[in-house]
Amino acid sequence: MEIAIPVESKQAENRVALVPRDVKKLVESGHKVFLETGAGAQADFPDSEYLKAGAKITNSAWKHDLVVKVKAQAIDRLKKNQILMAYLHVEKMQSPKLLKKLLDKRVTGYAFEEIRDSNGKRLVNLGYEGGVVGMYKGLRVYGEIIEKNNEENPFKELPEMKKVRKKKAYALLEKLCLKKKPKTVIMGNGHVSRGAQEVLAKAGIKPSILLEKDTVHMEKFLSELDILVNGVLWNPGEAHLVSVKQLELMKKTALIVDISCDEKGAVESCVPTKWSSPTYKTKGITHVCIDNLPAAIPKEASEHLSSMILKFVLKVADGEELETGLMTKEGVFEFGIEKKL
């Protein structure tokens, strides 16, 4: 099959779905891989490395059978009856314009976020990277908030993580001597939480971790915390863990970092934001809800993503249908409770 890797269309999306080492495996399996010029450049994978791996460089990636990318958008140049594998984010009706386009074009669309094992566990997960970047960004934003309140900003010298390597960012965190450590609460204890905890540990901050049983009493924590981090998996129809009304309990210098980033989800006031405008306020409380956090560490995130999706790309390229992850096919929305059962 002809497999194409296009340049990402989403703003500030610096990742690439497949890295050269995995492209080589696809080529060795008998498939043809076409890389749109410069698709891997922002993740430090130049065209020359893809050429060595056996790929061909093209300016027309969207004409091929199977398109593999990181984030799909309604503006993507989809063709009739193509196969698309990407983070689609249509399962909760988050992207109605994209869903309509997939259906109108009769695209067979696979969503990375819904590829799961028999127990329902996600098999493609960049939650750890999201936790790392989101927590680091959160510390920077929190510092700016308290600085405006005439307090010392201990995080003032931290550069954006996308401007330095993760290793360098960690070294800078370790050099901090915090006189006053922000009281930080993390909802959830999965991949996102692990990444966030790692960053906090580098700065010498010990967070409180709330499991599901703890979150039913959020009002006990909200009035005292400085930073609230959301890292829980939330599904439509479930109760909000933090309501808009409950924001009134929080200090005006408090910050919410919603890494899970479900609009009106576990945090009812969550509205996805972009890197160019990452924050907003609701009820006077600052929120950070960037919806593509791992893009700030593109090389590491691309390598991890590529390693996770390779076997699924190979299956689809070999003409197999994946057991999970199928969102659309032949103009039909294939995802729903009856499909999952």
C-alpha atoms as a PDB file:
ATOM      1  CA  MET A   1       0.000   0.000   0.000  1.00  0.00           C
ATOM      2  CA  GLU A   2       1.060   3.611  -0.530  1.00  0.00           C
ATOM      3  CA  ILE A   3       1.419   5.291   2.873  1.00  0.00           C
ATOM      4  CA  ALA A   4       1.736   9.075   3.150  1.00  0.00           C
ATOM      5  CA  ILE A   5       2.989  11.269   6.003  1.00  0.00           C
ATOM      6  CA  PRO A   6       1.822  14.865   5.424  1.00  0.00           C
ATOM      7  CA  VAL A   7       2.956  18.079   7.070  1.00  0.00           C
ATOM      8  CA  GLU A   8       0.828  18.749  10.163  1.00  0.00           C
ATOM      9  CA  SER A   9      -1.889  21.371   9.678  1.00  0.00           C
ATOM     10  CA  LYS A  10      -2.617  22.217  13.327  1.00  0.00           C
ATOM     11  CA  GLN A  11      -1.020  25.368  14.703  1.00  0.00           C
ATOM     12  CA  ALA A  12       2.210  24.709  16.663  1.00  0.00           C
ATOM     13  CA  GLU A  13       1.967  20.949  16.041  1.00  0.00           C
ATOM     14  CA  ASN A  14       5.654  20.029  15.719  1.00  0.00           C
ATOM     15  CA  ARG A  15       5.387  16.248  15.908  1.00  0.00           C
ATOM     16  CA  VAL A  16       5.480  13.746  13.083  1.00  0.00           C
ATOM     17  CA  ALA A  17       3.477  10.513  13.214  1.00  0.00           C
ATOM     18  CA  LEU A  18       6.145   8.128  11.900  1.00  0.00           C
ATOM     19  CA  VAL A  19       9.891   8.496  12.443  1.00  0.00           C
ATOM     20  CA  PRO A  20      12.551   7.196  10.009  1.00  0.00           C
ATOM     21  CA  ARG A  21      13.376   3.979  11.905  1.00  0.00           C
ATOM     22  CA  ASP A  22       9.726   2.867  11.656  1.00  0.00           C
ATOM     23  CA  VAL A  23       9.348   4.035   8.064  1.00  0.00           C
ATOM     24  CA  LYS A  24      12.205   1.669   7.261  1.00  0.00           C
ATOM     25  CA  LYS A  25      10.207  -1.220   8.757  1.00  0.00           C
ATOM     26  CA  LEU A  26       7.187  -0.330   6.625  1.00  0.00           C
ATOM     27  CA  VAL A  27       9.339  -0.247   3.487  1.00  0.00           C
ATOM     28  CA  GLU A  28      10.960  -3.556   4.401  1.00  0.00           C
ATOM     29  CA  SER A  29       7.443  -5.005   4.702  1.00  0.00           C
ATOM     30  CA  GLY A  30       6.806  -4.153   1.068  1.00  0.00           C
ATOM     31  CA  HIS A  31       4.941  -0.864   1.379  1.00  0.00           C
ATOM     32  CA  LYS A  32       5.751   2.454  -0.293  1.00  0.00           C
ATOM     33  CA  VAL A  33       6.089   5.448   2.030  1.00  0.00           C
ATOM     34  CA  PHE A  34       5.777   9.060   0.869  1.00  0.00           C
ATOM     35  CA  LEU A  35       6.857  11.933   3.111  1.00  0.00           C
ATOM     36  CA  GLU A  36       5.605  15.423   2.395  1.00  0.00           C
ATOM     37  CA  THR A  37       8.586  17.761   2.193  1.00  0.00           C
ATOM     38  CA  GLY A  38       9.628  18.893   5.665  1.00  0.00           C
ATOM     39  CA  ALA A  39       7.019  16.864   7.593  1.00  0.00           C
ATOM     40  CA  GLY A  40       9.562  15.724  10.175  1.00  0.00           C
ATOM     41  CA  ALA A  41      11.741  18.819  10.303  1.00  0.00           C
ATOM     42  CA  GLN A  42      10.245  20.377  13.455  1.00  0.00           C
ATOM     43  CA  ALA A  43      10.856  17.105  15.316  1.00  0.00           C
ATOM     44  CA  ASP A  44      14.510  17.029  14.173  1.00  0.00           C
ATOM     45  CA  PHE A  45      13.950  14.371  11.511  1.00  0.00           C
ATOM     46  CA  PRO A  46      15.141  15.865   8.200  1.00  0.00           C
ATOM     47  CA  ASP A  47      13.998  14.595   4.810  1.00  0.00           C
ATOM     48  CA  SER A  48      17.443  13.024   4.301  1.00  0.00           C
ATOM     49  CA  GLU A  49      16.833  10.533   7.132  1.00  0.00           C
ATOM     50  CA  TYR A  50      13.555   9.434   5.553  1.00  0.00           C
ATOM     51  CA  LEU A  51      15.285   8.991   2.199  1.00  0.00           C
ATOM     52  CA  LYS A  52      17.835   6.704   3.871  1.00  0.00           C
ATOM     53  CA  ALA A  53      14.944   4.747   5.378  1.00  0.00           C
ATOM     54  CA  GLY A  54      13.524   4.146   1.894  1.00  0.00           C
ATOM     55  CA  ALA A  55      10.806   6.782   1.729  1.00  0.00           C
ATOM     56  CA  LYS A  56      10.136   9.055  -1.228  1.00  0.00           C
ATOM     57  CA  ILE A  57       9.795  12.820  -0.757  1.00  0.00           C
ATOM     58  CA  THR A  58       6.680  14.397  -2.269  1.00  0.00           C
ATOM     59  CA  ASN A  59       4.700  17.627  -2.417  1.00  0.00           C
ATOM     60  CA  SER A  60       1.393  15.789  -2.826  1.00  0.00           C
ATOM     61  CA  ALA A  61       1.039  13.469   0.169  1.00  0.00           C
ATOM     62  CA  TRP A  62      -2.760  13.537   0.138  1.00  0.00           C
ATOM     63  CA  LYS A  63      -3.168  11.583  -3.104  1.00  0.00           C
ATOM     64  CA  HIS A  64      -2.092   8.249  -1.575  1.00  0.00           C
ATOM     65  CA  ASP A  65      -4.134   5.352  -0.148  1.00  0.00           C
ATOM     66  CA  LEU A  66      -3.323   5.602   3.547  1.00  0.00           C
ATOM     67  CA  VAL A  67      -2.532   8.879   5.315  1.00  0.00           C
ATOM     68  CA  VAL A  68      -0.882   8.730   8.746  1.00  0.00           C
ATOM     69  CA  LYS A  69      -0.580  11.945  10.733  1.00  0.00           C
ATOM     70  CA  VAL A  70      -0.675  13.215  14.310  1.00  0.00           C
ATOM     71  CA  LYS A  71      -3.718  15.517  14.450  1.00  0.00           C
ATOM     72  CA  ALA A  72      -6.549  15.535  11.917  1.00  0.00           C
ATOM     73  CA  GLN A  73      -8.484  18.717  11.223  1.00  0.00           C
ATOM     74  CA  ALA A  74     -11.435  19.659   9.046  1.00  0.00           C
ATOM     75  CA  ILE A  75      -9.039  21.616   6.815  1.00  0.00           C
ATOM     76  CA  ASP A  76      -7.070  18.487   5.902  1.00  0.00           C
ATOM     77  CA  ARG A  77      -7.092  17.686   2.178  1.00  0.00           C
ATOM     78  CA  LEU A  78      -8.887  14.356   2.364  1.00  0.00           C
ATOM     79  CA  LYS A  79      -9.807  12.451  -0.784  1.00  0.00           C
ATOM     80  CA  LYS A  80     -12.771  10.148  -1.381  1.00  0.00           C
ATOM     81  CA  ASN A  81     -12.402   6.658   0.120  1.00  0.00           C
ATOM     82  CA  GLN A  82      -9.012   7.325   1.700  1.00  0.00           C
ATOM     83  CA  ILE A  83      -7.841   5.674   4.907  1.00  0.00           C
ATOM     84  CA  LEU A  84      -6.792   8.086   7.659  1.00  0.00           C
ATOM     85  CA  MET A  85      -5.028   7.226  10.897  1.00  0.00           C
ATOM     86  CA  ALA A  86      -4.558  10.060  13.396  1.00  0.00           C
ATOM     87  CA  TYR A  87      -5.789  11.571  16.630  1.00  0.00           C
ATOM     88  CA  LEU A  88      -9.315  12.356  15.412  1.00  0.00           C
ATOM     89  CA  HIS A  89     -11.118  13.348  18.620  1.00  0.00           C
ATOM     90  CA  VAL A  90     -14.600  12.761  17.221  1.00  0.00           C
ATOM     91  CA  GLU A  91     -15.720  10.020  19.615  1.00  0.00           C
ATOM     92  CA  LYS A  92     -17.208  12.569  22.042  1.00  0.00           C
ATOM     93  CA  MET A  93     -18.449  14.789  19.193  1.00  0.00           C
ATOM     94  CA  GLN A  94     -15.615  17.232  19.920  1.00  0.00           C
ATOM     95  CA  SER A  95     -14.928  17.954  16.241  1.00  0.00           C
ATOM     96  CA  PRO A  96     -18.239  17.969  14.323  1.00  0.00           C
ATOM     97  CA  LYS A  97     -16.757  19.619  11.211  1.00  0.00           C
ATOM     98  CA  LEU A  98     -14.046  16.976  10.933  1.00  0.00           C
ATOM     99  CA  LEU A  99     -16.554  14.177  11.496  1.00  0.00           C
ATOM    100  CA  LYS A 100     -18.808  15.543   8.762  1.00  0.00           C
ATOM    101  CA  LYS A 101     -15.875  15.680   6.358  1.00  0.00           C
ATOM    102  CA  LEU A 102     -14.850  12.108   7.150  1.00  0.00           C
ATOM    103  CA  LEU A 103     -18.404  10.940   6.482  1.00  0.00           C
ATOM    104  CA  ASP A 104     -18.903  13.030   3.340  1.00  0.00           C
ATOM    105  CA  LYS A 105     -15.629  11.756   1.864  1.00  0.00           C
ATOM    106  CA  ARG A 106     -16.424   8.175   2.924  1.00  0.00           C
ATOM    107  CA  VAL A 107     -13.057   8.039   4.687  1.00  0.00           C
ATOM    108  CA  THR A 108     -12.092   5.001   6.731  1.00  0.00           C
ATOM    109  CA  GLY A 109     -10.939   6.836   9.830  1.00  0.00           C
ATOM    110  CA  TYR A 110      -9.002   5.282  12.703  1.00  0.00           C
ATOM    111  CA  ALA A 111      -8.487   7.279  15.908  1.00  0.00           C
ATOM    112  CA  PHE A 112      -5.287   6.582  17.822  1.00  0.00           C
ATOM    113  CA  GLU A 113      -6.987   7.528  21.092  1.00  0.00           C
ATOM    114  CA  GLU A 114      -9.568   4.736  20.716  1.00  0.00           C
ATOM    115  CA  ILE A 115      -7.222   1.852  19.871  1.00  0.00           C
ATOM    116  CA  ARG A 116      -7.575  -0.324  22.971  1.00  0.00           C
ATOM    117  CA  ASP A 117      -6.845  -3.789  24.341  1.00  0.00           C
ATOM    118  CA  SER A 118      -9.481  -6.299  25.473  1.00  0.00           C
ATOM    119  CA  ASN A 119      -9.690  -4.597  28.872  1.00  0.00           C
ATOM    120  CA  GLY A 120     -10.344  -1.184  27.356  1.00  0.00           C
ATOM    121  CA  LYS A 121      -6.845   0.143  28.055  1.00  0.00           C
ATOM    122  CA  ARG A 122      -5.564   2.651  25.499  1.00  0.00           C
ATOM    123  CA  LEU A 123      -2.666   1.271  23.473  1.00  0.00           C
ATOM    124  CA  VAL A 124      -1.610   4.639  22.018  1.00  0.00           C
ATOM    125  CA  ASN A 125      -1.091   7.044  24.873  1.00  0.00           C
ATOM    126  CA  LEU A 126       1.022  10.185  25.169  1.00  0.00           C
ATOM    127  CA  GLY A 127      -0.414  11.084  28.563  1.00  0.00           C
ATOM    128  CA  TYR A 128       3.013  11.002  30.197  1.00  0.00           C
ATOM    129  CA  GLU A 129       4.396  13.559  27.756  1.00  0.00           C
ATOM    130  CA  GLY A 130       1.272  15.678  28.206  1.00  0.00           C
ATOM    131  CA  GLY A 131       1.756  15.526  31.969  1.00  0.00           C
ATOM    132  CA  VAL A 132       5.383  16.624  31.714  1.00  0.00           C
ATOM    133  CA  VAL A 133       4.731  19.588  29.425  1.00  0.00           C
ATOM    134  CA  GLY A 134       1.467  20.626  31.078  1.00  0.00           C
ATOM    135  CA  MET A 135       2.943  20.677  34.581  1.00  0.00           C
ATOM    136  CA  TYR A 136       6.032  22.586  33.474  1.00  0.00           C
ATOM    137  CA  LYS A 137       3.865  25.130  31.678  1.00  0.00           C
ATOM    138  CA  GLY A 138       1.642  25.297  34.745  1.00  0.00           C
ATOM    139  CA  LEU A 139       4.532  26.266  37.000  1.00  0.00           C
ATOM    140  CA  ARG A 140       5.496  29.062  34.621  1.00  0.00           C
ATOM    141  CA  VAL A 141       1.940  30.402  34.484  1.00  0.00           C
ATOM    142  CA  TYR A 142       1.501  30.135  38.263  1.00  0.00           C
ATOM    143  CA  GLY A 143       4.657  32.195  38.737  1.00  0.00           C
ATOM    144  CA  GLU A 144       3.232  34.914  36.478  1.00  0.00           C
ATOM    145  CA  ILE A 145      -0.024  34.931  38.467  1.00  0.00           C
ATOM    146  CA  ILE A 146       1.601  35.445  41.860  1.00  0.00           C
ATOM    147  CA  GLU A 147       4.016  38.000  40.396  1.00  0.00           C
ATOM    148  CA  LYS A 148       1.009  40.118  39.386  1.00  0.00           C
ATOM    149  CA  ASN A 149      -0.103  39.794  43.010  1.00  0.00           C
ATOM    150  CA  ASN A 150       3.208  41.349  44.136  1.00  0.00           C
ATOM    151  CA  GLU A 151       4.751  38.049  45.201  1.00  0.00           C
ATOM    152  CA  GLU A 152       8.143  36.759  44.109  1.00  0.00           C
ATOM    153  CA  ASN A 153       8.015  34.633  40.965  1.00  0.00           C
ATOM    154  CA  PRO A 154      10.415  31.706  41.574  1.00  0.00           C
ATOM    155  CA  PHE A 155       9.784  30.301  38.074  1.00  0.00           C
ATOM    156  CA  LYS A 156      10.617  33.511  36.220  1.00  0.00           C
ATOM    157  CA  GLU A 157      13.828  32.185  34.665  1.00  0.00           C
ATOM    158  CA  LEU A 158      12.263  29.010  33.295  1.00  0.00           C
ATOM    159  CA  PRO A 159      12.088  29.176  29.467  1.00  0.00           C
ATOM    160  CA  GLU A 160       9.261  27.554  27.511  1.00  0.00           C
ATOM    161  CA  MET A 161       9.956  23.824  27.275  1.00  0.00           C
ATOM    162  CA  LYS A 162       9.548  23.977  23.505  1.00  0.00           C
ATOM    163  CA  LYS A 163      12.589  26.296  23.421  1.00  0.00           C
ATOM    164  CA  VAL A 164      14.861  23.946  25.397  1.00  0.00           C
ATOM    165  CA  ARG A 165      15.324  20.201  25.615  1.00  0.00           C
ATOM    166  CA  LYS A 166      13.495  18.357  28.373  1.00  0.00           C
ATOM    167  CA  LYS A 167      16.844  17.468  29.991  1.00  0.00           C
ATOM    168  CA  LYS A 168      17.787  21.145  30.181  1.00  0.00           C
ATOM    169  CA  ALA A 169      14.366  22.081  31.578  1.00  0.00           C
ATOM    170  CA  TYR A 170      14.749  19.463  34.313  1.00  0.00           C
ATOM    171  CA  ALA A 171      18.206  20.756  35.192  1.00  0.00           C
ATOM    172  CA  LEU A 172      16.771  24.258  35.633  1.00  0.00           C
ATOM    173  CA  LEU A 173      13.967  22.935  37.842  1.00  0.00           C
ATOM    174  CA  GLU A 174      16.487  21.171  40.064  1.00  0.00           C
ATOM    175  CA  LYS A 175      18.371  24.438  40.597  1.00  0.00           C
ATOM    176  CA  LEU A 176      15.297  26.183  42.013  1.00  0.00           C
ATOM    177  CA  CYS A 177      15.366  26.927  45.714  1.00  0.00           C
ATOM    178  CA  LEU A 178      11.700  27.443  46.482  1.00  0.00           C
ATOM    179  CA  LYS A 179      11.031  29.373  49.664  1.00  0.00           C
ATOM    180  CA  LYS A 180       7.335  28.721  49.331  1.00  0.00           C
ATOM    181  CA  LYS A 181       6.133  25.674  47.410  1.00  0.00           C
ATOM    182  CA  PRO A 182       2.732  25.898  45.715  1.00  0.00           C
ATOM    183  CA  LYS A 183       0.181  23.515  47.201  1.00  0.00           C
ATOM    184  CA  THR A 184      -0.513  21.281  44.239  1.00  0.00           C
ATOM    185  CA  VAL A 185      -3.317  18.732  43.824  1.00  0.00           C
ATOM    186  CA  ILE A 186      -3.445  16.219  40.949  1.00  0.00           C
ATOM    187  CA  MET A 187      -6.683  14.458  40.043  1.00  0.00           C
ATOM    188  CA  GLY A 188      -5.821  10.997  38.741  1.00  0.00           C
ATOM    189  CA  ASN A 189      -2.853   8.654  39.052  1.00  0.00           C
ATOM    190  CA  GLY A 190      -2.276   7.414  35.500  1.00  0.00           C
ATOM    191  CA  HIS A 191       0.137   8.400  32.720  1.00  0.00           C
ATOM    192  CA  VAL A 192      -0.695  12.110  32.906  1.00  0.00           C
ATOM    193  CA  SER A 193      -0.224  12.142  36.656  1.00  0.00           C
ATOM    194  CA  ARG A 194       3.101  10.326  36.381  1.00  0.00           C
ATOM    195  CA  GLY A 195       4.473  12.965  34.003  1.00  0.00           C
ATOM    196  CA  ALA A 196       3.226  15.822  36.183  1.00  0.00           C
ATOM    197  CA  GLN A 197       4.655  14.237  39.334  1.00  0.00           C
ATOM    198  CA  GLU A 198       8.039  13.837  37.650  1.00  0.00           C
ATOM    199  CA  VAL A 199       8.235  17.565  36.913  1.00  0.00           C
ATOM    200  CA  LEU A 200       7.138  18.516  40.419  1.00  0.00           C
ATOM    201  CA  ALA A 201       9.707  16.171  41.949  1.00  0.00           C
ATOM    202  CA  LYS A 202      12.482  17.971  40.036  1.00  0.00           C
ATOM    203  CA  ALA A 203      11.339  21.212  41.695  1.00  0.00           C
ATOM    204  CA  GLY A 204      11.044  19.583  45.130  1.00  0.00           C
ATOM    205  CA  ILE A 205       7.241  19.898  45.217  1.00  0.00           C
ATOM    206  CA  LYS A 206       5.217  17.001  46.651  1.00  0.00           C
ATOM    207  CA  PRO A 207       1.638  17.008  45.313  1.00  0.00           C
ATOM    208  CA  SER A 208      -1.500  15.501  46.763  1.00  0.00           C
ATOM    209  CA  ILE A 209      -2.884  12.763  44.497  1.00  0.00           C
ATOM    210  CA  LEU A 210      -6.657  12.369  44.376  1.00  0.00           C
ATOM    211  CA  LEU A 211      -8.110   9.039  43.302  1.00  0.00           C
ATOM    212  CA  GLU A 212     -11.681   8.704  42.060  1.00  0.00           C
ATOM    213  CA  LYS A 213     -13.047   8.113  45.559  1.00  0.00           C
ATOM    214  CA  ASP A 214     -11.444  11.364  46.741  1.00  0.00           C
ATOM    215  CA  THR A 215     -12.826  13.580  43.979  1.00  0.00           C
ATOM    216  CA  VAL A 216     -16.404  13.416  45.248  1.00  0.00           C
ATOM    217  CA  HIS A 217     -15.300  15.780  48.014  1.00  0.00           C
ATOM    218  CA  MET A 218     -13.435  18.320  45.891  1.00  0.00           C
ATOM    219  CA  GLU A 219     -14.754  21.244  47.914  1.00  0.00           C
ATOM    220  CA  LYS A 220     -12.455  20.136  50.772  1.00  0.00           C
ATOM    221  CA  PHE A 221      -9.381  20.718  48.600  1.00  0.00           C
ATOM    222  CA  LEU A 222     -10.314  23.658  46.368  1.00  0.00           C
ATOM    223  CA  SER A 223     -10.124  26.440  48.964  1.00  0.00           C
ATOM    224  CA  GLU A 224      -6.549  25.605  49.985  1.00  0.00           C
ATOM    225  CA  LEU A 225      -4.755  24.607  46.795  1.00  0.00           C
ATOM    226  CA  ASP A 226      -2.600  26.806  44.556  1.00  0.00           C
ATOM    227  CA  ILE A 227      -2.476  24.549  41.476  1.00  0.00           C
ATOM    228  CA  LEU A 228      -5.096  21.982  40.445  1.00  0.00           C
ATOM    229  CA  VAL A 229      -4.054  19.494  37.762  1.00  0.00           C
ATOM    230  CA  ASN A 230      -6.636  17.400  35.913  1.00  0.00           C
ATOM    231  CA  GLY A 231      -5.351  14.070  34.609  1.00  0.00           C
ATOM    232  CA  VAL A 232      -8.471  11.891  34.731  1.00  0.00           C
ATOM    233  CA  LEU A 233     -10.244  10.057  31.935  1.00  0.00           C
ATOM    234  CA  TRP A 234     -13.727  11.553  31.554  1.00  0.00           C
ATOM    235  CA  ASN A 235     -16.604  10.340  29.381  1.00  0.00           C
ATOM    236  CA  PRO A 236     -19.683  12.307  28.256  1.00  0.00           C
ATOM    237  CA  GLY A 237     -22.581  11.915  30.660  1.00  0.00           C
ATOM    238  CA  GLU A 238     -20.349  11.563  33.707  1.00  0.00           C
ATOM    239  CA  ALA A 239     -20.560  14.149  36.469  1.00  0.00           C
ATOM    240  CA  HIS A 240     -18.145  17.094  36.486  1.00  0.00           C
ATOM    241  CA  LEU A 241     -15.550  16.695  39.229  1.00  0.00           C
ATOM    242  CA  VAL A 242     -15.113  20.461  39.482  1.00  0.00           C
ATOM    243  CA  SER A 243     -18.128  22.596  38.591  1.00  0.00           C
ATOM    244  CA  VAL A 244     -18.104  26.222  37.493  1.00  0.00           C
ATOM    245  CA  LYS A 245     -19.876  27.083  40.753  1.00  0.00           C
ATOM    246  CA  GLN A 246     -17.092  25.462  42.782  1.00  0.00           C
ATOM    247  CA  LEU A 247     -14.518  27.809  41.276  1.00  0.00           C
ATOM    248  CA  GLU A 248     -15.862  30.409  43.679  1.00  0.00           C
ATOM    249  CA  LEU A 249     -14.251  28.409  46.499  1.00  0.00           C
ATOM    250  CA  MET A 250     -10.760  28.878  45.062  1.00  0.00           C
ATOM    251  CA  LYS A 251      -8.209  31.593  45.743  1.00  0.00           C
ATOM    252  CA  LYS A 252      -7.996  34.157  42.954  1.00  0.00           C
ATOM    253  CA  THR A 253      -4.290  33.349  42.603  1.00  0.00           C
ATOM    254  CA  ALA A 254      -5.052  29.647  42.053  1.00  0.00           C
ATOM    255  CA  LEU A 255      -4.474  27.927  38.718  1.00  0.00           C
ATOM    256  CA  ILE A 256      -6.196  25.027  36.952  1.00  0.00           C
ATOM    257  CA  VAL A 257      -4.034  23.008  34.543  1.00  0.00           C
ATOM    258  CA  ASP A 258      -6.392  20.716  32.614  1.00  0.00           C
ATOM    259  CA  ILE A 259      -4.102  18.269  30.840  1.00  0.00           C
ATOM    260  CA  SER A 260      -6.896  15.827  29.944  1.00  0.00           C
ATOM    261  CA  CYS A 261      -8.519  18.797  28.192  1.00  0.00           C
ATOM    262  CA  ASP A 262     -12.091  17.566  27.714  1.00  0.00           C
ATOM    263  CA  GLU A 263     -14.294  20.549  26.920  1.00  0.00           C
ATOM    264  CA  LYS A 264     -16.856  20.937  29.723  1.00  0.00           C
ATOM    265  CA  GLY A 265     -15.508  17.668  31.069  1.00  0.00           C
ATOM    266  CA  ALA A 266     -14.151  16.659  34.474  1.00  0.00           C
ATOM    267  CA  VAL A 267     -13.473  20.371  34.926  1.00  0.00           C
ATOM    268  CA  GLU A 268     -16.721  21.945  33.729  1.00  0.00           C
ATOM    269  CA  SER A 269     -15.013  25.237  32.868  1.00  0.00           C
ATOM    270  CA  CYS A 270     -12.471  23.613  30.517  1.00  0.00           C
ATOM    271  CA  VAL A 271     -12.244  25.168  27.043  1.00  0.00           C
ATOM    272  CA  PRO A 272      -9.363  23.851  24.872  1.00  0.00           C
ATOM    273  CA  THR A 273      -6.722  26.495  24.104  1.00  0.00           C
ATOM    274  CA  LYS A 274      -3.760  26.856  21.767  1.00  0.00           C
ATOM    275  CA  TRP A 275      -0.092  27.593  22.401  1.00  0.00           C
ATOM    276  CA  SER A 276      -0.540  31.085  20.944  1.00  0.00           C
ATOM    277  CA  SER A 277      -3.200  31.906  23.573  1.00  0.00           C
ATOM    278  CA  PRO A 278      -2.862  29.289  26.323  1.00  0.00           C
ATOM    279  CA  THR A 279      -4.803  30.808  29.235  1.00  0.00           C
ATOM    280  CA  TYR A 280      -8.197  32.279  30.079  1.00  0.00           C
ATOM    281  CA  LYS A 281     -10.169  33.066  33.222  1.00  0.00           C
ATOM    282  CA  THR A 282     -13.511  31.777  34.466  1.00  0.00           C
ATOM    283  CA  LYS A 283     -14.888  33.136  37.752  1.00  0.00           C
ATOM    284  CA  GLY A 284     -11.519  34.869  38.141  1.00  0.00           C
ATOM    285  CA  ILE A 285      -9.576  31.582  38.081  1.00  0.00           C
ATOM    286  CA  THR A 286      -6.832  31.175  35.471  1.00  0.00           C
ATOM    287  CA  HIS A 287      -7.014  28.021  33.337  1.00  0.00           C
ATOM    288  CA  VAL A 288      -4.413  26.370  31.090  1.00  0.00           C
ATOM    289  CA  CYS A 289      -6.070  23.865  28.727  1.00  0.00           C
ATOM    290  CA  ILE A 290      -3.664  23.454  25.765  1.00  0.00           C
ATOM    291  CA  ASP A 291      -4.907  20.574  23.613  1.00  0.00           C
ATOM    292  CA  ASN A 292      -1.602  19.430  22.073  1.00  0.00           C
ATOM    293  CA  LEU A 293       0.883  19.657  24.922  1.00  0.00           C
ATOM    294  CA  PRO A 294       3.289  16.916  23.708  1.00  0.00           C
ATOM    295  CA  ALA A 295       4.063  19.075  20.645  1.00  0.00           C
ATOM    296  CA  ALA A 296       6.435  21.042  22.897  1.00  0.00           C
ATOM    297  CA  ILE A 297       8.783  18.035  23.085  1.00  0.00           C
ATOM    298  CA  PRO A 298       8.367  16.920  19.458  1.00  0.00           C
ATOM    299  CA  LYS A 299      11.319  14.570  19.019  1.00  0.00           C
ATOM    300  CA  GLU A 300      10.658  12.489  22.121  1.00  0.00           C
ATOM    301  CA  ALA A 301       6.877  12.512  21.595  1.00  0.00           C
ATOM    302  CA  SER A 302       7.221  11.562  17.904  1.00  0.00           C
ATOM    303  CA  GLU A 303       9.492   8.631  18.692  1.00  0.00           C
ATOM    304  CA  HIS A 304       7.090   7.344  21.335  1.00  0.00           C
ATOM    305  CA  LEU A 305       3.999   7.828  19.161  1.00  0.00           C
ATOM    306  CA  SER A 306       5.619   6.170  16.149  1.00  0.00           C
ATOM    307  CA  SER A 307       6.678   3.133  18.188  1.00  0.00           C
ATOM    308  CA  MET A 308       3.122   2.676  19.484  1.00  0.00           C
ATOM    309  CA  ILE A 309       1.281   3.025  16.174  1.00  0.00           C
ATOM    310  CA  LEU A 310       3.661   1.082  13.902  1.00  0.00           C
ATOM    311  CA  LYS A 311       2.038  -2.347  14.320  1.00  0.00           C
ATOM    312  CA  PHE A 312      -1.415  -0.889  13.721  1.00  0.00           C
ATOM    313  CA  VAL A 313      -0.289   0.972  10.603  1.00  0.00           C
ATOM    314  CA  LEU A 314       1.231  -2.270   9.326  1.00  0.00           C
ATOM    315  CA  LYS A 315      -2.040  -4.156   9.905  1.00  0.00           C
ATOM    316  CA  VAL A 316      -4.113  -1.555   8.071  1.00  0.00           C
ATOM    317  CA  ALA A 317      -1.579  -1.363   5.232  1.00  0.00           C
ATOM    318  CA  ASP A 318      -1.760  -5.168   4.944  1.00  0.00           C
ATOM    319  CA  GLY A 319      -5.526  -4.901   4.405  1.00  0.00           C
ATOM    320  CA  GLU A 320      -6.680  -5.847   7.905  1.00  0.00           C
ATOM    321  CA  GLU A 321      -9.355  -3.998   9.878  1.00  0.00           C
ATOM    322  CA  LEU A 322      -8.418  -3.088  13.426  1.00  0.00           C
ATOM    323  CA  GLU A 323     -10.648  -4.421  16.200  1.00  0.00           C
ATOM    324  CA  THR A 324     -10.789  -1.019  17.903  1.00  0.00           C
ATOM    325  CA  GLY A 325     -10.257   2.588  16.893  1.00  0.00           C
ATOM    326  CA  LEU A 326     -12.515   2.612  13.818  1.00  0.00           C
ATOM    327  CA  MET A 327     -14.500   5.844  13.774  1.00  0.00           C
ATOM    328  CA  THR A 328     -15.884   6.111  10.224  1.00  0.00           C
ATOM    329  CA  LYS A 329     -16.270   3.814   7.243  1.00  0.00           C
ATOM    330  CA  GLU A 330     -18.200   4.166   3.970  1.00  0.00           C
ATOM    331  CA  GLY A 331     -20.050   7.233   5.223  1.00  0.00           C
ATOM    332  CA  VAL A 332     -21.100   5.673   8.542  1.00  0.00           C
ATOM    333  CA  PHE A 333     -20.070   6.755  12.044  1.00  0.00           C
ATOM    334  CA  GLU A 334     -18.863   3.412  13.395  1.00  0.00           C
ATOM    335  CA  PHE A 335     -18.150   4.452  16.988  1.00  0.00           C
ATOM    336  CA  GLY A 336     -20.841   4.098  19.623  1.00  0.00           C
ATOM    337  CA  ILE A 337     -21.817   2.096  22.666  1.00  0.00           C
ATOM    338  CA  GLU A 338     -23.242  -0.710  20.545  1.00  0.00           C
ATOM    339  CA  LYS A 339     -19.980  -0.892  18.583  1.00  0.00           C
ATOM    340  CA  LYS A 340     -17.837  -0.977  21.713  1.00  0.00           C
ATOM    341  CA  LEU A 341     -19.915  -3.802  23.179  1.00  0.00           C
END
